Amino acid sequence: MSSSKQQTQSVQDQADRIQLSQVLETQQTKVNALKSDKNANQADVNAAVETLEEIKRELNKLENGRGGVSQLKDM
């Protein structure tokens, strides 16, 4: 890969990490709110936790240079 393409990819990866970190923070807030809501449906809590775990896995992949956020951008 040329230096220019590598630099562009690096900038894109950094932008993806920032975006995914923001999504992670939002999802963590949602999970915390659901867990503290005594009327929350357990299935909703479980789904939110699973989504949070998936975001964490994708962020980890991206930080290790093995992935992106393409499948999470529509969340």
PDB file of N, CA and C in Angstrom:
ATOM      1  N   MET A   1       0.849  -1.168   0.000  1.00  0.00           N
ATOM      2  CA  MET A   1       0.000   0.000   0.000  1.00  0.00           C
ATOM      3  C   MET A   1       0.898   1.236   0.000  1.00  0.00           C
ATOM      4  N   SER A   2       0.530   2.225  -0.758  1.00  0.00           N
ATOM      5  CA  SER A   2       1.335   3.434  -0.823  1.00  0.00           C
ATOM      6  C   SER A   2       1.218   4.219   0.477  1.00  0.00           C
ATOM      7  N   SER A   3       2.179   5.082   0.692  1.00  0.00           N
ATOM      8  CA  SER A   3       2.205   5.887   1.911  1.00  0.00           C
ATOM      9  C   SER A   3       0.941   6.729   2.043  1.00  0.00           C
ATOM     10  N   SER A   4       0.488   7.280   0.933  1.00  0.00           N
ATOM     11  CA  SER A   4      -0.728   8.101   0.946  1.00  0.00           C
ATOM     12  C   SER A   4      -1.949   7.276   1.335  1.00  0.00           C
ATOM     13  N   LYS A   5      -2.054   6.070   0.772  1.00  0.00           N
ATOM     14  CA  LYS A   5      -3.183   5.196   1.109  1.00  0.00           C
ATOM     15  C   LYS A   5      -3.106   4.738   2.557  1.00  0.00           C
ATOM     16  N   GLN A   6      -1.890   4.457   3.028  1.00  0.00           N
ATOM     17  CA  GLN A   6      -1.729   4.049   4.425  1.00  0.00           C
ATOM     18  C   GLN A   6      -2.135   5.176   5.365  1.00  0.00           C
ATOM     19  N   GLN A   7      -1.746   6.399   5.013  1.00  0.00           N
ATOM     20  CA  GLN A   7      -2.088   7.544   5.848  1.00  0.00           C
ATOM     21  C   GLN A   7      -3.597   7.767   5.845  1.00  0.00           C
ATOM     22  N   THR A   8      -4.217   7.649   4.679  1.00  0.00           N
ATOM     23  CA  THR A   8      -5.669   7.798   4.581  1.00  0.00           C
ATOM     24  C   THR A   8      -6.368   6.730   5.398  1.00  0.00           C
ATOM     25  N   GLN A   9      -5.895   5.485   5.308  1.00  0.00           N
ATOM     26  CA  GLN A   9      -6.495   4.394   6.076  1.00  0.00           C
ATOM     27  C   GLN A   9      -6.318   4.630   7.570  1.00  0.00           C
ATOM     28  N   SER A  10      -5.166   5.126   7.961  1.00  0.00           N
ATOM     29  CA  SER A  10      -4.903   5.408   9.370  1.00  0.00           C
ATOM     30  C   SER A  10      -5.856   6.478   9.901  1.00  0.00           C
ATOM     31  N   VAL A  11      -6.076   7.511   9.118  1.00  0.00           N
ATOM     32  CA  VAL A  11      -7.015   8.570   9.509  1.00  0.00           C
ATOM     33  C   VAL A  11      -8.422   8.003   9.602  1.00  0.00           C
ATOM     34  N   GLN A  12      -8.809   7.166   8.643  1.00  0.00           N
ATOM     35  CA  GLN A  12     -10.139   6.551   8.667  1.00  0.00           C
ATOM     36  C   GLN A  12     -10.287   5.638   9.877  1.00  0.00           C
ATOM     37  N   ASP A  13      -9.261   4.855  10.175  1.00  0.00           N
ATOM     38  CA  ASP A  13      -9.302   3.975  11.347  1.00  0.00           C
ATOM     39  C   ASP A  13      -9.456   4.783  12.628  1.00  0.00           C
ATOM     40  N   GLN A  14      -8.747   5.894  12.710  1.00  0.00           N
ATOM     41  CA  GLN A  14      -8.847   6.739  13.899  1.00  0.00           C
ATOM     42  C   GLN A  14     -10.254   7.324  14.016  1.00  0.00           C
ATOM     43  N   ALA A  15     -10.814   7.769  12.907  1.00  0.00           N
ATOM     44  CA  ALA A  15     -12.182   8.299  12.916  1.00  0.00           C
ATOM     45  C   ALA A  15     -13.174   7.213  13.317  1.00  0.00           C
ATOM     46  N   ASP A  16     -12.975   6.004  12.806  1.00  0.00           N
ATOM     47  CA  ASP A  16     -13.846   4.880  13.163  1.00  0.00           C
ATOM     48  C   ASP A  16     -13.749   4.566  14.655  1.00  0.00           C
ATOM     49  N   ARG A  17     -12.535   4.602  15.190  1.00  0.00           N
ATOM     50  CA  ARG A  17     -12.363   4.339  16.627  1.00  0.00           C
ATOM     51  C   ARG A  17     -13.083   5.389  17.466  1.00  0.00           C
ATOM     52  N   ILE A  18     -12.972   6.639  17.068  1.00  0.00           N
ATOM     53  CA  ILE A  18     -13.653   7.717  17.797  1.00  0.00           C
ATOM     54  C   ILE A  18     -15.156   7.518  17.733  1.00  0.00           C
ATOM     55  N   GLN A  19     -15.664   7.248  16.535  1.00  0.00           N
ATOM     56  CA  GLN A  19     -17.103   7.041  16.367  1.00  0.00           C
ATOM     57  C   GLN A  19     -17.574   5.842  17.187  1.00  0.00           C
ATOM     58  N   LEU A  20     -16.841   4.763  17.125  1.00  0.00           N
ATOM     59  CA  LEU A  20     -17.233   3.554  17.843  1.00  0.00           C
ATOM     60  C   LEU A  20     -17.142   3.760  19.354  1.00  0.00           C
ATOM     61  N   SER A  21     -16.172   4.528  19.801  1.00  0.00           N
ATOM     62  CA  SER A  21     -16.071   4.841  21.228  1.00  0.00           C
ATOM     63  C   SER A  21     -17.287   5.631  21.698  1.00  0.00           C
ATOM     64  N   GLN A  22     -17.769   6.539  20.848  1.00  0.00           N
ATOM     65  CA  GLN A  22     -18.964   7.311  21.189  1.00  0.00           C
ATOM     66  C   GLN A  22     -20.195   6.413  21.225  1.00  0.00           C
ATOM     67  N   VAL A  23     -20.296   5.496  20.276  1.00  0.00           N
ATOM     68  CA  VAL A  23     -21.408   4.544  20.261  1.00  0.00           C
ATOM     69  C   VAL A  23     -21.347   3.670  21.513  1.00  0.00           C
ATOM     70  N   LEU A  24     -20.145   3.257  21.879  1.00  0.00           N
ATOM     71  CA  LEU A  24     -19.958   2.439  23.080  1.00  0.00           C
ATOM     72  C   LEU A  24     -20.434   3.181  24.326  1.00  0.00           C
ATOM     73  N   GLU A  25     -20.065   4.438  24.433  1.00  0.00           N
ATOM     74  CA  GLU A  25     -20.471   5.239  25.595  1.00  0.00           C
ATOM     75  C   GLU A  25     -21.991   5.387  25.655  1.00  0.00           C
ATOM     76  N   THR A  26     -22.603   5.642  24.515  1.00  0.00           N
ATOM     77  CA  THR A  26     -24.060   5.767  24.456  1.00  0.00           C
ATOM     78  C   THR A  26     -24.734   4.457  24.844  1.00  0.00           C
ATOM     79  N   GLN A  27     -24.221   3.350  24.325  1.00  0.00           N
ATOM     80  CA  GLN A  27     -24.808   2.046  24.632  1.00  0.00           C
ATOM     81  C   GLN A  27     -24.623   1.700  26.102  1.00  0.00           C
ATOM     82  N   GLN A  28     -23.480   2.054  26.675  1.00  0.00           N
ATOM     83  CA  GLN A  28     -23.248   1.788  28.097  1.00  0.00           C
ATOM     84  C   GLN A  28     -24.258   2.563  28.943  1.00  0.00           C
ATOM     85  N   THR A  29     -24.539   3.798  28.554  1.00  0.00           N
ATOM     86  CA  THR A  29     -25.538   4.604  29.256  1.00  0.00           C
ATOM     87  C   THR A  29     -26.909   3.950  29.160  1.00  0.00           C
ATOM     88  N   LYS A  30     -27.230   3.441  27.971  1.00  0.00           N
ATOM     89  CA  LYS A  30     -28.521   2.768  27.772  1.00  0.00           C
ATOM     90  C   LYS A  30     -28.625   1.517  28.648  1.00  0.00           C
ATOM     91  N   VAL A  31     -27.564   0.730  28.687  1.00  0.00           N
ATOM     92  CA  VAL A  31     -27.556  -0.482  29.511  1.00  0.00           C
ATOM     93  C   VAL A  31     -27.732  -0.115  30.984  1.00  0.00           C
ATOM     94  N   ASN A  32     -27.000   0.887  31.433  1.00  0.00           N
ATOM     95  CA  ASN A  32     -27.107   1.306  32.835  1.00  0.00           C
ATOM     96  C   ASN A  32     -28.522   1.760  33.164  1.00  0.00           C
ATOM     97  N   ALA A  33     -29.137   2.513  32.253  1.00  0.00           N
ATOM     98  CA  ALA A  33     -30.504   2.982  32.479  1.00  0.00           C
ATOM     99  C   ALA A  33     -31.476   1.808  32.538  1.00  0.00           C
ATOM    100  N   LEU A  34     -31.314   0.854  31.622  1.00  0.00           N
ATOM    101  CA  LEU A  34     -32.193  -0.315  31.620  1.00  0.00           C
ATOM    102  C   LEU A  34     -32.017  -1.149  32.889  1.00  0.00           C
ATOM    103  N   LYS A  35     -30.776  -1.305  33.319  1.00  0.00           N
ATOM    104  CA  LYS A  35     -30.524  -2.104  34.521  1.00  0.00           C
ATOM    105  C   LYS A  35     -31.111  -1.449  35.768  1.00  0.00           C
ATOM    106  N   SER A  36     -31.177  -0.125  35.788  1.00  0.00           N
ATOM    107  CA  SER A  36     -31.713   0.563  36.965  1.00  0.00           C
ATOM    108  C   SER A  36     -33.229   0.733  36.894  1.00  0.00           C
ATOM    109  N   ASP A  37     -33.820   0.447  35.730  1.00  0.00           N
ATOM    110  CA  ASP A  37     -35.272   0.565  35.553  1.00  0.00           C
ATOM    111  C   ASP A  37     -35.935  -0.731  36.009  1.00  0.00           C
ATOM    112  N   LYS A  38     -36.648  -0.651  37.103  1.00  0.00           N
ATOM    113  CA  LYS A  38     -37.286  -1.852  37.668  1.00  0.00           C
ATOM    114  C   LYS A  38     -38.381  -2.405  36.757  1.00  0.00           C
ATOM    115  N   ASN A  39     -38.883  -1.587  35.847  1.00  0.00           N
ATOM    116  CA  ASN A  39     -39.929  -2.034  34.928  1.00  0.00           C
ATOM    117  C   ASN A  39     -39.371  -2.533  33.595  1.00  0.00           C
ATOM    118  N   ALA A  40     -38.055  -2.528  33.452  1.00  0.00           N
ATOM    119  CA  ALA A  40     -37.445  -2.934  32.184  1.00  0.00           C
ATOM    120  C   ALA A  40     -37.647  -4.427  31.950  1.00  0.00           C
ATOM    121  N   ASN A  41     -37.937  -4.749  30.723  1.00  0.00           N
ATOM    122  CA  ASN A  41     -38.077  -6.134  30.298  1.00  0.00           C
ATOM    123  C   ASN A  41     -36.681  -6.769  30.279  1.00  0.00           C
ATOM    124  N   GLN A  42     -36.536  -7.945  30.865  1.00  0.00           N
ATOM    125  CA  GLN A  42     -35.223  -8.602  30.926  1.00  0.00           C
ATOM    126  C   GLN A  42     -34.662  -8.883  29.531  1.00  0.00           C
ATOM    127  N   ALA A  43     -35.527  -9.185  28.586  1.00  0.00           N
ATOM    128  CA  ALA A  43     -35.069  -9.426  27.211  1.00  0.00           C
ATOM    129  C   ALA A  43     -34.452  -8.157  26.624  1.00  0.00           C
ATOM    130  N   ASP A  44     -35.033  -6.996  26.941  1.00  0.00           N
ATOM    131  CA  ASP A  44     -34.471  -5.727  26.470  1.00  0.00           C
ATOM    132  C   ASP A  44     -33.101  -5.473  27.094  1.00  0.00           C
ATOM    133  N   VAL A  45     -32.985  -5.767  28.380  1.00  0.00           N
ATOM    134  CA  VAL A  45     -31.701  -5.605  29.068  1.00  0.00           C
ATOM    135  C   VAL A  45     -30.665  -6.530  28.435  1.00  0.00           C
ATOM    136  N   ASN A  46     -31.029  -7.784  28.232  1.00  0.00           N
ATOM    137  CA  ASN A  46     -30.101  -8.753  27.633  1.00  0.00           C
ATOM    138  C   ASN A  46     -29.671  -8.326  26.235  1.00  0.00           C
ATOM    139  N   ALA A  47     -30.612  -7.839  25.440  1.00  0.00           N
ATOM    140  CA  ALA A  47     -30.295  -7.392  24.079  1.00  0.00           C
ATOM    141  C   ALA A  47     -29.349  -6.191  24.115  1.00  0.00           C
ATOM    142  N   ALA A  48     -29.600  -5.269  25.024  1.00  0.00           N
ATOM    143  CA  ALA A  48     -28.740  -4.091  25.139  1.00  0.00           C
ATOM    144  C   ALA A  48     -27.331  -4.484  25.579  1.00  0.00           C
ATOM    145  N   VAL A  49     -27.237  -5.426  26.495  1.00  0.00           N
ATOM    146  CA  VAL A  49     -25.927  -5.903  26.955  1.00  0.00           C
ATOM    147  C   VAL A  49     -25.202  -6.614  25.818  1.00  0.00           C
ATOM    148  N   GLU A  50     -25.912  -7.425  25.047  1.00  0.00           N
ATOM    149  CA  GLU A  50     -25.291  -8.122  23.915  1.00  0.00           C
ATOM    150  C   GLU A  50     -24.785  -7.121  22.880  1.00  0.00           C
ATOM    151  N   THR A  51     -25.566  -6.085  22.615  1.00  0.00           N
ATOM    152  CA  THR A  51     -25.130  -5.041  21.684  1.00  0.00           C
ATOM    153  C   THR A  51     -23.878  -4.356  22.217  1.00  0.00           C
ATOM    154  N   LEU A  52     -23.864  -4.073  23.506  1.00  0.00           N
ATOM    155  CA  LEU A  52     -22.696  -3.454  24.130  1.00  0.00           C
ATOM    156  C   LEU A  52     -21.465  -4.341  23.958  1.00  0.00           C
ATOM    157  N   GLU A  53     -21.623  -5.624  24.178  1.00  0.00           N
ATOM    158  CA  GLU A  53     -20.500  -6.555  24.029  1.00  0.00           C
ATOM    159  C   GLU A  53     -20.017  -6.612  22.579  1.00  0.00           C
ATOM    160  N   GLU A  54     -20.938  -6.569  21.637  1.00  0.00           N
ATOM    161  CA  GLU A  54     -20.562  -6.579  20.217  1.00  0.00           C
ATOM    162  C   GLU A  54     -19.778  -5.314  19.862  1.00  0.00           C
ATOM    163  N   ILE A  55     -20.219  -4.182  20.376  1.00  0.00           N
ATOM    164  CA  ILE A  55     -19.501  -2.927  20.128  1.00  0.00           C
ATOM    165  C   ILE A  55     -18.086  -3.028  20.699  1.00  0.00           C
ATOM    166  N   LYS A  56     -17.963  -3.572  21.903  1.00  0.00           N
ATOM    167  CA  LYS A  56     -16.640  -3.733  22.514  1.00  0.00           C
ATOM    168  C   LYS A  56     -15.753  -4.636  21.663  1.00  0.00           C
ATOM    169  N   ARG A  57     -16.320  -5.730  21.143  1.00  0.00           N
ATOM    170  CA  ARG A  57     -15.537  -6.645  20.291  1.00  0.00           C
ATOM    171  C   ARG A  57     -15.080  -5.938  19.018  1.00  0.00           C
ATOM    172  N   GLU A  58     -15.971  -5.177  18.404  1.00  0.00           N
ATOM    173  CA  GLU A  58     -15.611  -4.480  17.166  1.00  0.00           C
ATOM    174  C   GLU A  58     -14.557  -3.409  17.424  1.00  0.00           C
ATOM    175  N   LEU A  59     -14.683  -2.703  18.531  1.00  0.00           N
ATOM    176  CA  LEU A  59     -13.685  -1.688  18.874  1.00  0.00           C
ATOM    177  C   LEU A  59     -12.333  -2.352  19.110  1.00  0.00           C
ATOM    178  N   ASN A  60     -12.332  -3.479  19.779  1.00  0.00           N
ATOM    179  CA  ASN A  60     -11.095  -4.218  20.019  1.00  0.00           C
ATOM    180  C   ASN A  60     -10.466  -4.666  18.698  1.00  0.00           C
ATOM    181  N   LYS A  61     -11.289  -5.172  17.787  1.00  0.00           N
ATOM    182  CA  LYS A  61     -10.778  -5.582  16.469  1.00  0.00           C
ATOM    183  C   LYS A  61     -10.155  -4.393  15.750  1.00  0.00           C
ATOM    184  N   LEU A  62     -10.852  -3.267  15.784  1.00  0.00           N
ATOM    185  CA  LEU A  62     -10.364  -2.077  15.090  1.00  0.00           C
ATOM    186  C   LEU A  62      -9.053  -1.596  15.710  1.00  0.00           C
ATOM    187  N   GLU A  63      -8.987  -1.613  17.023  1.00  0.00           N
ATOM    188  CA  GLU A  63      -7.763  -1.181  17.691  1.00  0.00           C
ATOM    189  C   GLU A  63      -6.605  -2.120  17.392  1.00  0.00           C
ATOM    190  N   ASN A  64      -6.913  -3.360  17.077  1.00  0.00           N
ATOM    191  CA  ASN A  64      -5.874  -4.323  16.722  1.00  0.00           C
ATOM    192  C   ASN A  64      -5.676  -4.420  15.216  1.00  0.00           C
ATOM    193  N   GLY A  65      -6.328  -3.546  14.464  1.00  0.00           N
ATOM    194  CA  GLY A  65      -6.139  -3.497  13.024  1.00  0.00           C
ATOM    195  C   GLY A  65      -6.800  -4.607  12.250  1.00  0.00           C
ATOM    196  N   ARG A  66      -7.874  -5.205  12.794  1.00  0.00           N
ATOM    197  CA  ARG A  66      -8.507  -6.335  12.123  1.00  0.00           C
ATOM    198  C   ARG A  66      -9.990  -6.110  11.866  1.00  0.00           C
ATOM    199  N   GLY A  67     -10.406  -4.897  11.647  1.00  0.00           N
ATOM    200  CA  GLY A  67     -11.836  -4.746  11.422  1.00  0.00           C
ATOM    201  C   GLY A  67     -12.223  -3.312  11.207  1.00  0.00           C
ATOM    202  N   GLY A  68     -13.522  -3.109  11.229  1.00  0.00           N
ATOM    203  CA  GLY A  68     -14.062  -1.787  11.034  1.00  0.00           C
ATOM    204  C   GLY A  68     -15.405  -1.690  11.684  1.00  0.00           C
ATOM    205  N   VAL A  69     -16.108  -0.626  11.349  1.00  0.00           N
ATOM    206  CA  VAL A  69     -17.402  -0.405  11.984  1.00  0.00           C
ATOM    207  C   VAL A  69     -18.543  -0.534  10.998  1.00  0.00           C
ATOM    208  N   SER A  70     -18.267  -1.075   9.833  1.00  0.00           N
ATOM    209  CA  SER A  70     -19.290  -1.100   8.789  1.00  0.00           C
ATOM    210  C   SER A  70     -20.595  -1.718   9.250  1.00  0.00           C
ATOM    211  N   GLN A  71     -20.545  -2.819   9.988  1.00  0.00           N
ATOM    212  CA  GLN A  71     -21.788  -3.464  10.391  1.00  0.00           C
ATOM    213  C   GLN A  71     -22.445  -2.768  11.568  1.00  0.00           C
ATOM    214  N   LEU A  72     -21.744  -1.861  12.227  1.00  0.00           N
ATOM    215  CA  LEU A  72     -22.321  -1.163  13.372  1.00  0.00           C
ATOM    216  C   LEU A  72     -22.802   0.242  13.026  1.00  0.00           C
ATOM    217  N   LYS A  73     -22.473   0.727  11.844  1.00  0.00           N
ATOM    218  CA  LYS A  73     -22.830   2.100  11.503  1.00  0.00           C
ATOM    219  C   LYS A  73     -24.327   2.331  11.456  1.00  0.00           C
ATOM    220  N   ASP A  74     -25.119   1.278  11.271  1.00  0.00           N
ATOM    221  CA  ASP A  74     -26.566   1.460  11.184  1.00  0.00           C
ATOM    222  C   ASP A  74     -27.256   1.237  12.521  1.00  0.00           C
ATOM    223  N   MET A  75     -26.497   1.101  13.595  1.00  0.00           N
ATOM    224  CA  MET A  75     -27.102   0.901  14.924  1.00  0.00           C
ATOM    225  C   MET A  75     -27.565   2.217  15.488  1.00  0.00           C
TER     226      MET A  75
END
